[in-house]
Amino acid sequence: MAKIYNSITELVGRTPIVEFKRLEKVLGLKGRIAGKLEYFNPAGSHKDRIALEIIEGAEARGEISPDKTTLVEFTSGNTGIALAAFAAAKGYKFKIGLQPGVSVERLKLLEAYNAEIADITPEDLAPVFEKGVEAFGPLTEKLLAGTVNGYATWQLSNPDNILAHYRHTGPEIWEDTDGAVDIFIGGVGTGGSTHGVSKYLKEKKPEVVTIITQPDPESVKNSAVEGAGDGGFHGIHAVKDENGFNAMKPDNFSAEYSDRYEYVTYAETLKAIHLVGRYEGIFLGASAGASLAVAIREALKEENEGKLIIPLLPDNGERYLSENLQRVRPELENKVTTF
């Protein structure tokens, strides 16, 4: 029987979970690592899920309509790419304000989807460096003010973000593992994925442990000193420090569904990316590499022998080739002692 889809929006979700058996053998892991490969979504990342949920939720409520509404968002890239792709597929215009440090590949993808990249001055962006996500609101409001029939998608605080992962990503993990998942690992960008997935999994199995991956503060400050001459961490930030939760915590993130917070260095991230590329034929992006690095550390522990560890892997490394993410740096990675 023929199977022809009507739109790429019908292809979102049902991404595969793959166990990294060769990696387990090479590293002598006690636990099992099975990655949720979100780059199998049609626009290439887990942000496809929230973009579609946000758009279709607003449509259902009668808040937007194709050929009339211009969607607006301020973002670092993957949410923007997903919104741009589905806006094109559904007939919306899309206007995006970009954070600093967006890779060349992501800029070109936005261009391919006919997104309008807003003109934002260095003065406009200055608060982002000082306040992080707290600065996104005023910048989004500024974009809205200059847009006819604009509709802000508000990725950091939109409950449809969480809902996408509660309705779909969490159930997929549960079903594809037959409920055998023991540890879930993810980073925090907008906060929706770790909140939504963990909420669902803990409702099904309260003993599931959720670990939040955070970039090591020294790596964020000193990536060039470490020898990493690329763009550094993309897509995740720290939400908890020694004094408790800091200013980078988005509204969508809830500590209620998180058990532990683990710092990961950029050297560990790179090593994890290159190990899984070498032994599994999978090339991950930086945020995915960070969660995989934490998963490897967990899988090496005696107390996790036989446990099933599921890291959420948001995208692949093809969006960061211009930053040489694929290049192995022995002088940096050989210093990793955690795995």
C-alpha atoms as a PDB file:
ATOM      1  CA  MET A   1       0.000   0.000   0.000  1.00  0.00           C
ATOM      2  CA  ALA A   2       1.301   3.441  -0.945  1.00  0.00           C
ATOM      3  CA  LYS A   3       2.399   5.751   1.844  1.00  0.00           C
ATOM      4  CA  ILE A   4       2.719   9.357   0.769  1.00  0.00           C
ATOM      5  CA  TYR A   5       2.839  12.056   3.432  1.00  0.00           C
ATOM      6  CA  ASN A   6       1.088  15.395   3.019  1.00  0.00           C
ATOM      7  CA  SER A   7       3.716  17.486   4.797  1.00  0.00           C
ATOM      8  CA  ILE A   8       7.004  17.208   6.674  1.00  0.00           C
ATOM      9  CA  THR A   9       5.009  18.082   9.793  1.00  0.00           C
ATOM     10  CA  GLU A  10       3.724  14.493   9.720  1.00  0.00           C
ATOM     11  CA  LEU A  11       7.274  13.196  10.120  1.00  0.00           C
ATOM     12  CA  VAL A  12       8.007  14.710  13.522  1.00  0.00           C
ATOM     13  CA  GLY A  13       8.716  12.250  16.325  1.00  0.00           C
ATOM     14  CA  ARG A  14       9.141   8.482  16.580  1.00  0.00           C
ATOM     15  CA  THR A  15      12.904   8.988  16.503  1.00  0.00           C
ATOM     16  CA  PRO A  16      14.978   5.847  17.124  1.00  0.00           C
ATOM     17  CA  ILE A  17      16.749   4.766  20.272  1.00  0.00           C
ATOM     18  CA  VAL A  18      20.058   3.017  19.505  1.00  0.00           C
ATOM     19  CA  GLU A  19      22.173   1.117  22.016  1.00  0.00           C
ATOM     20  CA  PHE A  20      25.872   1.871  21.689  1.00  0.00           C
ATOM     21  CA  LYS A  21      27.104  -1.705  21.998  1.00  0.00           C
ATOM     22  CA  ARG A  22      30.547  -1.205  20.477  1.00  0.00           C
ATOM     23  CA  LEU A  23      31.156   1.797  22.709  1.00  0.00           C
ATOM     24  CA  GLU A  24      30.080  -0.235  25.735  1.00  0.00           C
ATOM     25  CA  LYS A  25      32.587  -2.960  24.844  1.00  0.00           C
ATOM     26  CA  VAL A  26      35.497  -0.617  24.092  1.00  0.00           C
ATOM     27  CA  LEU A  27      35.048   1.361  27.329  1.00  0.00           C
ATOM     28  CA  GLY A  28      34.139  -1.629  29.487  1.00  0.00           C
ATOM     29  CA  LEU A  29      30.880  -0.033  30.595  1.00  0.00           C
ATOM     30  CA  LYS A  30      28.805  -1.577  33.370  1.00  0.00           C
ATOM     31  CA  GLY A  31      25.564   0.061  32.349  1.00  0.00           C
ATOM     32  CA  ARG A  32      23.887   0.136  28.946  1.00  0.00           C
ATOM     33  CA  ILE A  33      23.719   3.379  26.961  1.00  0.00           C
ATOM     34  CA  ALA A  34      20.972   3.791  24.373  1.00  0.00           C
ATOM     35  CA  GLY A  35      20.792   7.244  22.768  1.00  0.00           C
ATOM     36  CA  LYS A  36      17.553   8.902  21.662  1.00  0.00           C
ATOM     37  CA  LEU A  37      18.622  10.201  18.231  1.00  0.00           C
ATOM     38  CA  GLU A  38      16.604  13.365  17.766  1.00  0.00           C
ATOM     39  CA  TYR A  39      18.371  14.430  14.578  1.00  0.00           C
ATOM     40  CA  PHE A  40      16.053  11.973  12.783  1.00  0.00           C
ATOM     41  CA  ASN A  41      13.323  14.613  13.032  1.00  0.00           C
ATOM     42  CA  PRO A  42      12.685  16.232   9.613  1.00  0.00           C
ATOM     43  CA  ALA A  43      14.344  19.584  10.381  1.00  0.00           C
ATOM     44  CA  GLY A  44      17.151  17.885  12.264  1.00  0.00           C
ATOM     45  CA  SER A  45      16.699  18.334  16.018  1.00  0.00           C
ATOM     46  CA  HIS A  46      14.455  17.782  19.036  1.00  0.00           C
ATOM     47  CA  LYS A  47      13.256  21.365  18.604  1.00  0.00           C
ATOM     48  CA  ASP A  48      11.055  20.134  15.752  1.00  0.00           C
ATOM     49  CA  ARG A  49       8.762  18.738  18.409  1.00  0.00           C
ATOM     50  CA  ILE A  50       8.219  22.021  20.246  1.00  0.00           C
ATOM     51  CA  ALA A  51       7.981  24.099  17.073  1.00  0.00           C
ATOM     52  CA  LEU A  52       5.151  21.945  15.756  1.00  0.00           C
ATOM     53  CA  GLU A  53       3.364  21.768  19.117  1.00  0.00           C
ATOM     54  CA  ILE A  54       3.565  25.544  19.571  1.00  0.00           C
ATOM     55  CA  ILE A  55       2.300  26.293  16.063  1.00  0.00           C
ATOM     56  CA  GLU A  56      -0.506  23.739  16.079  1.00  0.00           C
ATOM     57  CA  GLY A  57      -1.520  24.637  19.619  1.00  0.00           C
ATOM     58  CA  ALA A  58      -1.878  28.294  18.622  1.00  0.00           C
ATOM     59  CA  GLU A  59      -3.807  27.269  15.500  1.00  0.00           C
ATOM     60  CA  ALA A  60      -6.215  25.165  17.554  1.00  0.00           C
ATOM     61  CA  ARG A  61      -6.860  28.139  19.837  1.00  0.00           C
ATOM     62  CA  GLY A  62      -7.508  30.403  16.854  1.00  0.00           C
ATOM     63  CA  GLU A  63      -4.562  32.666  17.666  1.00  0.00           C
ATOM     64  CA  ILE A  64      -2.761  32.394  14.314  1.00  0.00           C
ATOM     65  CA  SER A  65      -3.503  31.534  10.709  1.00  0.00           C
ATOM     66  CA  PRO A  66      -1.345  30.906   7.616  1.00  0.00           C
ATOM     67  CA  ASP A  67      -0.769  33.710   5.114  1.00  0.00           C
ATOM     68  CA  LYS A  68      -1.676  36.282   7.801  1.00  0.00           C
ATOM     69  CA  THR A  69       0.518  35.678  10.844  1.00  0.00           C
ATOM     70  CA  THR A  70       4.251  36.248  11.108  1.00  0.00           C
ATOM     71  CA  LEU A  71       5.789  33.999  13.752  1.00  0.00           C
ATOM     72  CA  VAL A  72       8.499  35.676  15.854  1.00  0.00           C
ATOM     73  CA  GLU A  73      11.216  34.189  18.068  1.00  0.00           C
ATOM     74  CA  PHE A  74      14.590  35.098  19.556  1.00  0.00           C
ATOM     75  CA  THR A  75      16.787  32.001  19.627  1.00  0.00           C
ATOM     76  CA  SER A  76      20.253  30.504  19.197  1.00  0.00           C
ATOM     77  CA  GLY A  77      19.374  28.357  16.215  1.00  0.00           C
ATOM     78  CA  ASN A  78      17.679  24.949  16.397  1.00  0.00           C
ATOM     79  CA  THR A  79      14.291  26.247  17.547  1.00  0.00           C
ATOM     80  CA  GLY A  80      14.561  28.855  14.824  1.00  0.00           C
ATOM     81  CA  ILE A  81      15.387  26.275  12.171  1.00  0.00           C
ATOM     82  CA  ALA A  82      12.423  24.128  13.211  1.00  0.00           C
ATOM     83  CA  LEU A  83      10.039  27.099  13.281  1.00  0.00           C
ATOM     84  CA  ALA A  84      11.342  28.285   9.909  1.00  0.00           C
ATOM     85  CA  ALA A  85      10.845  24.853   8.329  1.00  0.00           C
ATOM     86  CA  PHE A  86       7.307  24.363   9.621  1.00  0.00           C
ATOM     87  CA  ALA A  87       6.347  27.967   8.952  1.00  0.00           C
ATOM     88  CA  ALA A  88       7.311  27.347   5.328  1.00  0.00           C
ATOM     89  CA  ALA A  89       5.426  24.054   5.251  1.00  0.00           C
ATOM     90  CA  LYS A  90       2.276  25.641   6.685  1.00  0.00           C
ATOM     91  CA  GLY A  91       2.356  28.999   4.882  1.00  0.00           C
ATOM     92  CA  TYR A  92       3.495  31.351   7.656  1.00  0.00           C
ATOM     93  CA  LYS A  93       6.145  34.042   7.556  1.00  0.00           C
ATOM     94  CA  PHE A  94       8.857  33.725  10.197  1.00  0.00           C
ATOM     95  CA  LYS A  95      11.034  36.440  11.707  1.00  0.00           C
ATOM     96  CA  ILE A  96      13.967  35.498  13.887  1.00  0.00           C
ATOM     97  CA  GLY A  97      16.342  37.359  16.159  1.00  0.00           C
ATOM     98  CA  LEU A  98      19.587  35.474  16.653  1.00  0.00           C
ATOM     99  CA  GLN A  99      21.800  35.120  19.692  1.00  0.00           C
ATOM    100  CA  PRO A 100      25.541  35.632  19.205  1.00  0.00           C
ATOM    101  CA  GLY A 101      27.696  32.705  18.105  1.00  0.00           C
ATOM    102  CA  VAL A 102      25.305  30.966  15.717  1.00  0.00           C
ATOM    103  CA  SER A 103      27.155  28.603  13.387  1.00  0.00           C
ATOM    104  CA  VAL A 104      27.394  29.307   9.659  1.00  0.00           C
ATOM    105  CA  GLU A 105      25.429  26.154   8.874  1.00  0.00           C
ATOM    106  CA  ARG A 106      22.453  27.220  10.963  1.00  0.00           C
ATOM    107  CA  LEU A 107      22.419  30.651   9.352  1.00  0.00           C
ATOM    108  CA  LYS A 108      22.357  29.048   5.910  1.00  0.00           C
ATOM    109  CA  LEU A 109      19.533  26.706   6.892  1.00  0.00           C
ATOM    110  CA  LEU A 110      17.455  29.670   8.039  1.00  0.00           C
ATOM    111  CA  GLU A 111      18.122  31.315   4.702  1.00  0.00           C
ATOM    112  CA  ALA A 112      17.049  28.147   2.878  1.00  0.00           C
ATOM    113  CA  TYR A 113      13.698  28.193   4.689  1.00  0.00           C
ATOM    114  CA  ASN A 114      13.170  31.857   3.777  1.00  0.00           C
ATOM    115  CA  ALA A 115      13.279  33.116   7.359  1.00  0.00           C
ATOM    116  CA  GLU A 116      13.605  36.845   7.904  1.00  0.00           C
ATOM    117  CA  ILE A 117      16.641  37.454  10.098  1.00  0.00           C
ATOM    118  CA  ALA A 118      16.005  40.573  12.149  1.00  0.00           C
ATOM    119  CA  ASP A 119      18.531  43.383  12.280  1.00  0.00           C
ATOM    120  CA  ILE A 120      19.708  43.415  15.892  1.00  0.00           C
ATOM    121  CA  THR A 121      22.444  45.799  16.993  1.00  0.00           C
ATOM    122  CA  PRO A 122      25.350  44.973  19.328  1.00  0.00           C
ATOM    123  CA  GLU A 123      23.721  47.307  21.838  1.00  0.00           C
ATOM    124  CA  ASP A 124      20.532  45.234  21.677  1.00  0.00           C
ATOM    125  CA  LEU A 125      22.495  42.040  22.305  1.00  0.00           C
ATOM    126  CA  ALA A 126      24.599  43.362  25.183  1.00  0.00           C
ATOM    127  CA  PRO A 127      22.049  42.333  27.875  1.00  0.00           C
ATOM    128  CA  VAL A 128      22.214  38.711  26.656  1.00  0.00           C
ATOM    129  CA  PHE A 129      25.836  38.486  27.781  1.00  0.00           C
ATOM    130  CA  GLU A 130      24.972  40.037  31.139  1.00  0.00           C
ATOM    131  CA  LYS A 131      21.591  38.500  31.995  1.00  0.00           C
ATOM    132  CA  GLY A 132      21.234  35.414  29.794  1.00  0.00           C
ATOM    133  CA  VAL A 133      17.640  34.300  29.208  1.00  0.00           C
ATOM    134  CA  GLU A 134      16.271  37.219  31.234  1.00  0.00           C
ATOM    135  CA  ALA A 135      17.161  39.435  28.275  1.00  0.00           C
ATOM    136  CA  PHE A 136      15.171  37.392  25.756  1.00  0.00           C
ATOM    137  CA  GLY A 137      11.804  38.854  26.706  1.00  0.00           C
ATOM    138  CA  PRO A 138      12.595  42.500  25.939  1.00  0.00           C
ATOM    139  CA  LEU A 139      14.343  41.499  22.710  1.00  0.00           C
ATOM    140  CA  THR A 140      11.317  39.471  21.622  1.00  0.00           C
ATOM    141  CA  GLU A 141       9.019  42.378  22.459  1.00  0.00           C
ATOM    142  CA  LYS A 142      11.178  44.621  20.289  1.00  0.00           C
ATOM    143  CA  LEU A 143      10.880  42.160  17.403  1.00  0.00           C
ATOM    144  CA  LEU A 144       7.109  42.039  17.864  1.00  0.00           C
ATOM    145  CA  ALA A 145       6.811  45.824  17.892  1.00  0.00           C
ATOM    146  CA  GLY A 146       8.305  45.979  14.426  1.00  0.00           C
ATOM    147  CA  THR A 147       6.214  43.165  12.939  1.00  0.00           C
ATOM    148  CA  VAL A 148       2.751  43.404  11.397  1.00  0.00           C
ATOM    149  CA  ASN A 149       0.475  40.612  12.686  1.00  0.00           C
ATOM    150  CA  GLY A 150       3.380  39.204  14.684  1.00  0.00           C
ATOM    151  CA  TYR A 151       2.957  36.285  17.068  1.00  0.00           C
ATOM    152  CA  ALA A 152       5.734  35.445  19.522  1.00  0.00           C
ATOM    153  CA  THR A 153       6.243  31.726  20.097  1.00  0.00           C
ATOM    154  CA  TRP A 154       7.951  32.332  23.483  1.00  0.00           C
ATOM    155  CA  GLN A 155       9.957  29.105  23.529  1.00  0.00           C
ATOM    156  CA  LEU A 156      11.314  29.674  27.062  1.00  0.00           C
ATOM    157  CA  SER A 157       7.937  30.000  28.752  1.00  0.00           C
ATOM    158  CA  ASN A 158       5.390  28.455  26.380  1.00  0.00           C
ATOM    159  CA  PRO A 159       3.723  25.447  28.079  1.00  0.00           C
ATOM    160  CA  ASP A 160       3.310  23.803  24.665  1.00  0.00           C
ATOM    161  CA  ASN A 161       7.093  23.326  24.759  1.00  0.00           C
ATOM    162  CA  ILE A 162       6.793  21.058  27.795  1.00  0.00           C
ATOM    163  CA  LEU A 163       3.656  19.455  26.400  1.00  0.00           C
ATOM    164  CA  ALA A 164       5.434  18.322  23.224  1.00  0.00           C
ATOM    165  CA  HIS A 165       7.856  16.220  25.240  1.00  0.00           C
ATOM    166  CA  TYR A 166       5.277  15.045  27.780  1.00  0.00           C
ATOM    167  CA  ARG A 167       2.915  13.906  25.037  1.00  0.00           C
ATOM    168  CA  HIS A 168       5.448  12.409  22.680  1.00  0.00           C
ATOM    169  CA  THR A 169       9.143  12.152  23.616  1.00  0.00           C
ATOM    170  CA  GLY A 170       8.537  10.663  27.064  1.00  0.00           C
ATOM    171  CA  PRO A 171       6.013   8.080  25.853  1.00  0.00           C
ATOM    172  CA  GLU A 172       8.315   7.111  22.981  1.00  0.00           C
ATOM    173  CA  ILE A 173      11.167   6.408  25.398  1.00  0.00           C
ATOM    174  CA  TRP A 174       8.857   4.441  27.680  1.00  0.00           C
ATOM    175  CA  GLU A 175       7.363   2.373  24.867  1.00  0.00           C
ATOM    176  CA  ASP A 176      10.615   1.724  22.990  1.00  0.00           C
ATOM    177  CA  THR A 177      12.357   0.505  26.147  1.00  0.00           C
ATOM    178  CA  ASP A 178       9.319  -1.455  27.388  1.00  0.00           C
ATOM    179  CA  GLY A 179       9.562   0.617  30.547  1.00  0.00           C
ATOM    180  CA  ALA A 180      13.101  -0.583  31.271  1.00  0.00           C
ATOM    181  CA  VAL A 181      14.652   2.911  31.367  1.00  0.00           C
ATOM    182  CA  ASP A 182      16.520   3.507  34.637  1.00  0.00           C
ATOM    183  CA  ILE A 183      18.355   6.793  34.058  1.00  0.00           C
ATOM    184  CA  PHE A 184      17.373   9.700  31.791  1.00  0.00           C
ATOM    185  CA  ILE A 185      19.959  12.352  30.902  1.00  0.00           C
ATOM    186  CA  GLY A 186      19.424  15.685  29.188  1.00  0.00           C
ATOM    187  CA  GLY A 187      20.612  19.266  29.104  1.00  0.00           C
ATOM    188  CA  VAL A 188      18.665  22.469  29.648  1.00  0.00           C
ATOM    189  CA  GLY A 189      18.254  25.005  26.882  1.00  0.00           C
ATOM    190  CA  THR A 190      14.609  26.049  27.036  1.00  0.00           C
ATOM    191  CA  GLY A 191      13.889  23.498  29.783  1.00  0.00           C
ATOM    192  CA  GLY A 192      10.984  21.830  27.997  1.00  0.00           C
ATOM    193  CA  SER A 193      12.555  18.497  27.091  1.00  0.00           C
ATOM    194  CA  THR A 194      13.930  17.555  30.512  1.00  0.00           C
ATOM    195  CA  HIS A 195      10.747  18.780  32.205  1.00  0.00           C
ATOM    196  CA  GLY A 196       8.299  17.044  29.865  1.00  0.00           C
ATOM    197  CA  VAL A 197      10.189  13.766  29.439  1.00  0.00           C
ATOM    198  CA  SER A 198      11.086  13.395  33.097  1.00  0.00           C
ATOM    199  CA  LYS A 199       7.557  14.228  34.270  1.00  0.00           C
ATOM    200  CA  TYR A 200       6.140  11.499  32.069  1.00  0.00           C
ATOM    201  CA  LEU A 201       8.748   8.875  32.960  1.00  0.00           C
ATOM    202  CA  LYS A 202       8.466   9.523  36.703  1.00  0.00           C
ATOM    203  CA  GLU A 203       4.686   9.185  36.533  1.00  0.00           C
ATOM    204  CA  LYS A 204       5.154   5.771  34.963  1.00  0.00           C
ATOM    205  CA  LYS A 205       8.145   4.719  37.101  1.00  0.00           C
ATOM    206  CA  PRO A 206       8.999   7.000  40.047  1.00  0.00           C
ATOM    207  CA  GLU A 207      12.424   5.439  40.556  1.00  0.00           C
ATOM    208  CA  VAL A 208      13.701   6.706  37.178  1.00  0.00           C
ATOM    209  CA  VAL A 209      16.641   9.016  37.876  1.00  0.00           C
ATOM    210  CA  THR A 210      16.872  12.240  35.851  1.00  0.00           C
ATOM    211  CA  ILE A 211      20.313  13.829  35.515  1.00  0.00           C
ATOM    212  CA  ILE A 212      20.742  17.359  34.174  1.00  0.00           C
ATOM    213  CA  THR A 213      23.884  17.969  32.130  1.00  0.00           C
ATOM    214  CA  GLN A 214      25.509  21.361  32.703  1.00  0.00           C
ATOM    215  CA  PRO A 215      28.565  22.899  31.005  1.00  0.00           C
ATOM    216  CA  ASP A 216      31.506  23.219  33.369  1.00  0.00           C
ATOM    217  CA  PRO A 217      31.941  26.931  34.219  1.00  0.00           C
ATOM    218  CA  GLU A 218      35.668  26.849  33.496  1.00  0.00           C
ATOM    219  CA  SER A 219      35.065  25.290  30.085  1.00  0.00           C
ATOM    220  CA  VAL A 220      32.591  28.027  29.220  1.00  0.00           C
ATOM    221  CA  LYS A 221      35.099  30.702  30.197  1.00  0.00           C
ATOM    222  CA  ASN A 222      38.247  29.056  28.881  1.00  0.00           C
ATOM    223  CA  SER A 223      37.350  26.910  25.857  1.00  0.00           C
ATOM    224  CA  ALA A 224      40.036  28.600  23.768  1.00  0.00           C
ATOM    225  CA  VAL A 225      42.601  28.121  26.541  1.00  0.00           C
ATOM    226  CA  GLU A 226      41.659  24.451  26.707  1.00  0.00           C
ATOM    227  CA  GLY A 227      42.572  24.141  23.065  1.00  0.00           C
ATOM    228  CA  ALA A 228      39.064  24.074  21.678  1.00  0.00           C
ATOM    229  CA  GLY A 229      39.140  26.578  18.856  1.00  0.00           C
ATOM    230  CA  ASP A 230      35.492  26.101  17.873  1.00  0.00           C
ATOM    231  CA  GLY A 231      32.152  27.476  19.025  1.00  0.00           C
ATOM    232  CA  GLY A 232      32.109  25.640  22.342  1.00  0.00           C
ATOM    233  CA  PHE A 233      28.908  24.484  23.985  1.00  0.00           C
ATOM    234  CA  HIS A 234      25.727  24.991  22.002  1.00  0.00           C
ATOM    235  CA  GLY A 235      22.176  24.604  23.221  1.00  0.00           C
ATOM    236  CA  ILE A 236      22.675  23.995  26.947  1.00  0.00           C
ATOM    237  CA  HIS A 237      23.479  26.121  29.952  1.00  0.00           C
ATOM    238  CA  ALA A 238      23.786  25.718  33.692  1.00  0.00           C
ATOM    239  CA  VAL A 239      20.610  26.144  35.726  1.00  0.00           C
ATOM    240  CA  LYS A 240      22.030  25.402  39.173  1.00  0.00           C
ATOM    241  CA  ASP A 241      25.217  26.604  40.848  1.00  0.00           C
ATOM    242  CA  GLU A 242      26.675  26.356  44.346  1.00  0.00           C
ATOM    243  CA  ASN A 243      24.204  28.993  45.512  1.00  0.00           C
ATOM    244  CA  GLY A 244      21.159  27.278  44.041  1.00  0.00           C
ATOM    245  CA  PHE A 245      19.350  28.129  40.853  1.00  0.00           C
ATOM    246  CA  ASN A 246      20.855  30.960  38.837  1.00  0.00           C
ATOM    247  CA  ALA A 247      19.565  33.511  36.325  1.00  0.00           C
ATOM    248  CA  MET A 248      19.847  31.106  33.386  1.00  0.00           C
ATOM    249  CA  LYS A 249      16.883  29.004  34.517  1.00  0.00           C
ATOM    250  CA  PRO A 250      14.099  29.274  31.898  1.00  0.00           C
ATOM    251  CA  ASP A 251      10.465  29.333  33.003  1.00  0.00           C
ATOM    252  CA  ASN A 252       9.803  25.959  31.367  1.00  0.00           C
ATOM    253  CA  PHE A 253      12.335  24.152  33.544  1.00  0.00           C
ATOM    254  CA  SER A 254      11.160  22.571  36.789  1.00  0.00           C
ATOM    255  CA  ALA A 255      13.549  21.216  39.416  1.00  0.00           C
ATOM    256  CA  GLU A 256      10.730  19.018  40.689  1.00  0.00           C
ATOM    257  CA  TYR A 257      11.491  16.435  38.004  1.00  0.00           C
ATOM    258  CA  SER A 258      15.282  16.507  38.267  1.00  0.00           C
ATOM    259  CA  ASP A 259      17.395  14.428  40.651  1.00  0.00           C
ATOM    260  CA  ARG A 260      21.006  15.471  40.011  1.00  0.00           C
ATOM    261  CA  TYR A 261      23.026  18.124  38.205  1.00  0.00           C
ATOM    262  CA  GLU A 262      26.325  17.099  36.614  1.00  0.00           C
ATOM    263  CA  TYR A 263      28.968  19.427  35.219  1.00  0.00           C
ATOM    264  CA  VAL A 264      30.742  18.235  32.095  1.00  0.00           C
ATOM    265  CA  THR A 265      33.901  19.755  30.639  1.00  0.00           C
ATOM    266  CA  TYR A 266      34.249  20.616  26.999  1.00  0.00           C
ATOM    267  CA  ALA A 267      37.143  18.162  26.736  1.00  0.00           C
ATOM    268  CA  GLU A 268      34.812  15.371  27.926  1.00  0.00           C
ATOM    269  CA  THR A 269      32.184  16.509  25.449  1.00  0.00           C
ATOM    270  CA  LEU A 270      34.612  16.389  22.535  1.00  0.00           C
ATOM    271  CA  LYS A 271      35.941  13.005  23.560  1.00  0.00           C
ATOM    272  CA  ALA A 272      32.422  11.560  23.780  1.00  0.00           C
ATOM    273  CA  ILE A 273      31.567  12.974  20.334  1.00  0.00           C
ATOM    274  CA  HIS A 274      34.657  11.476  18.760  1.00  0.00           C
ATOM    275  CA  LEU A 275      34.295   8.104  20.506  1.00  0.00           C
ATOM    276  CA  VAL A 276      30.720   7.613  19.313  1.00  0.00           C
ATOM    277  CA  GLY A 277      31.714   8.751  15.838  1.00  0.00           C
ATOM    278  CA  ARG A 278      34.593   6.297  15.713  1.00  0.00           C
ATOM    279  CA  TYR A 279      32.828   3.271  17.169  1.00  0.00           C
ATOM    280  CA  GLU A 280      29.150   3.774  16.299  1.00  0.00           C
ATOM    281  CA  GLY A 281      29.171   5.839  13.092  1.00  0.00           C
ATOM    282  CA  ILE A 282      27.149   8.601  14.764  1.00  0.00           C
ATOM    283  CA  PHE A 283      28.249  12.244  14.663  1.00  0.00           C
ATOM    284  CA  LEU A 284      26.701  14.316  17.441  1.00  0.00           C
ATOM    285  CA  GLY A 285      26.410  18.010  18.187  1.00  0.00           C
ATOM    286  CA  ALA A 286      27.923  19.574  21.306  1.00  0.00           C
ATOM    287  CA  SER A 287      24.884  19.409  23.605  1.00  0.00           C
ATOM    288  CA  ALA A 288      24.354  15.775  22.640  1.00  0.00           C
ATOM    289  CA  GLY A 289      28.030  15.068  23.265  1.00  0.00           C
ATOM    290  CA  ALA A 290      27.758  16.596  26.730  1.00  0.00           C
ATOM    291  CA  SER A 291      24.838  14.351  27.691  1.00  0.00           C
ATOM    292  CA  LEU A 292      26.620  11.328  26.230  1.00  0.00           C
ATOM    293  CA  ALA A 293      29.728  12.141  28.297  1.00  0.00           C
ATOM    294  CA  VAL A 294      27.620  12.138  31.467  1.00  0.00           C
ATOM    295  CA  ALA A 295      25.966   8.889  30.352  1.00  0.00           C
ATOM    296  CA  ILE A 296      29.411   7.282  29.945  1.00  0.00           C
ATOM    297  CA  ARG A 297      30.426   8.397  33.432  1.00  0.00           C
ATOM    298  CA  GLU A 298      27.245   6.877  34.843  1.00  0.00           C
ATOM    299  CA  ALA A 299      27.673   3.654  32.870  1.00  0.00           C
ATOM    300  CA  LEU A 300      31.157   3.161  34.314  1.00  0.00           C
ATOM    301  CA  LYS A 301      29.825   3.026  37.888  1.00  0.00           C
ATOM    302  CA  GLU A 302      29.540  -0.370  39.557  1.00  0.00           C
ATOM    303  CA  GLU A 303      26.173   0.543  41.061  1.00  0.00           C
ATOM    304  CA  ASN A 304      24.754   1.081  37.551  1.00  0.00           C
ATOM    305  CA  GLU A 305      25.680  -2.362  36.232  1.00  0.00           C
ATOM    306  CA  GLY A 306      22.944  -3.609  33.916  1.00  0.00           C
ATOM    307  CA  LYS A 307      20.955  -0.368  34.119  1.00  0.00           C
ATOM    308  CA  LEU A 308      19.545   1.224  30.985  1.00  0.00           C
ATOM    309  CA  ILE A 309      20.718   4.813  30.529  1.00  0.00           C
ATOM    310  CA  ILE A 310      18.936   7.010  27.960  1.00  0.00           C
ATOM    311  CA  PRO A 311      20.630  10.285  26.996  1.00  0.00           C
ATOM    312  CA  LEU A 312      18.516  12.639  24.877  1.00  0.00           C
ATOM    313  CA  LEU A 313      20.733  13.580  21.910  1.00  0.00           C
ATOM    314  CA  PRO A 314      19.297  16.795  20.395  1.00  0.00           C
ATOM    315  CA  ASP A 315      21.100  17.094  17.040  1.00  0.00           C
ATOM    316  CA  ASN A 316      24.076  15.933  15.006  1.00  0.00           C
ATOM    317  CA  GLY A 317      27.410  17.554  14.299  1.00  0.00           C
ATOM    318  CA  GLU A 318      26.798  18.539  10.688  1.00  0.00           C
ATOM    319  CA  ARG A 319      25.519  21.934  11.868  1.00  0.00           C
ATOM    320  CA  TYR A 320      28.911  22.674  13.423  1.00  0.00           C
ATOM    321  CA  LEU A 321      31.400  21.524  10.776  1.00  0.00           C
ATOM    322  CA  SER A 322      32.509  25.107  10.217  1.00  0.00           C
ATOM    323  CA  GLU A 323      33.609  25.076  13.868  1.00  0.00           C
ATOM    324  CA  ASN A 324      35.673  21.896  13.352  1.00  0.00           C
ATOM    325  CA  LEU A 325      33.665  19.904  15.861  1.00  0.00           C
ATOM    326  CA  GLN A 326      34.777  16.764  14.044  1.00  0.00           C
ATOM    327  CA  ARG A 327      38.479  17.424  14.660  1.00  0.00           C
ATOM    328  CA  VAL A 328      40.107  15.268  17.337  1.00  0.00           C
ATOM    329  CA  ARG A 329      42.362  17.247  19.686  1.00  0.00           C
ATOM    330  CA  PRO A 330      44.645  14.726  21.445  1.00  0.00           C
ATOM    331  CA  GLU A 331      46.311  17.447  23.507  1.00  0.00           C
ATOM    332  CA  LEU A 332      42.910  18.228  25.044  1.00  0.00           C
ATOM    333  CA  GLU A 333      41.106  14.895  25.041  1.00  0.00           C
ATOM    334  CA  ASN A 334      44.026  12.880  26.446  1.00  0.00           C
ATOM    335  CA  LYS A 335      43.664  14.880  29.636  1.00  0.00           C
ATOM    336  CA  VAL A 336      40.205  13.446  30.266  1.00  0.00           C
ATOM    337  CA  THR A 337      40.406  11.066  33.233  1.00  0.00           C
ATOM    338  CA  THR A 338      36.695  10.430  33.822  1.00  0.00           C
ATOM    339  CA  PHE A 339      36.425   7.879  30.993  1.00  0.00           C
END
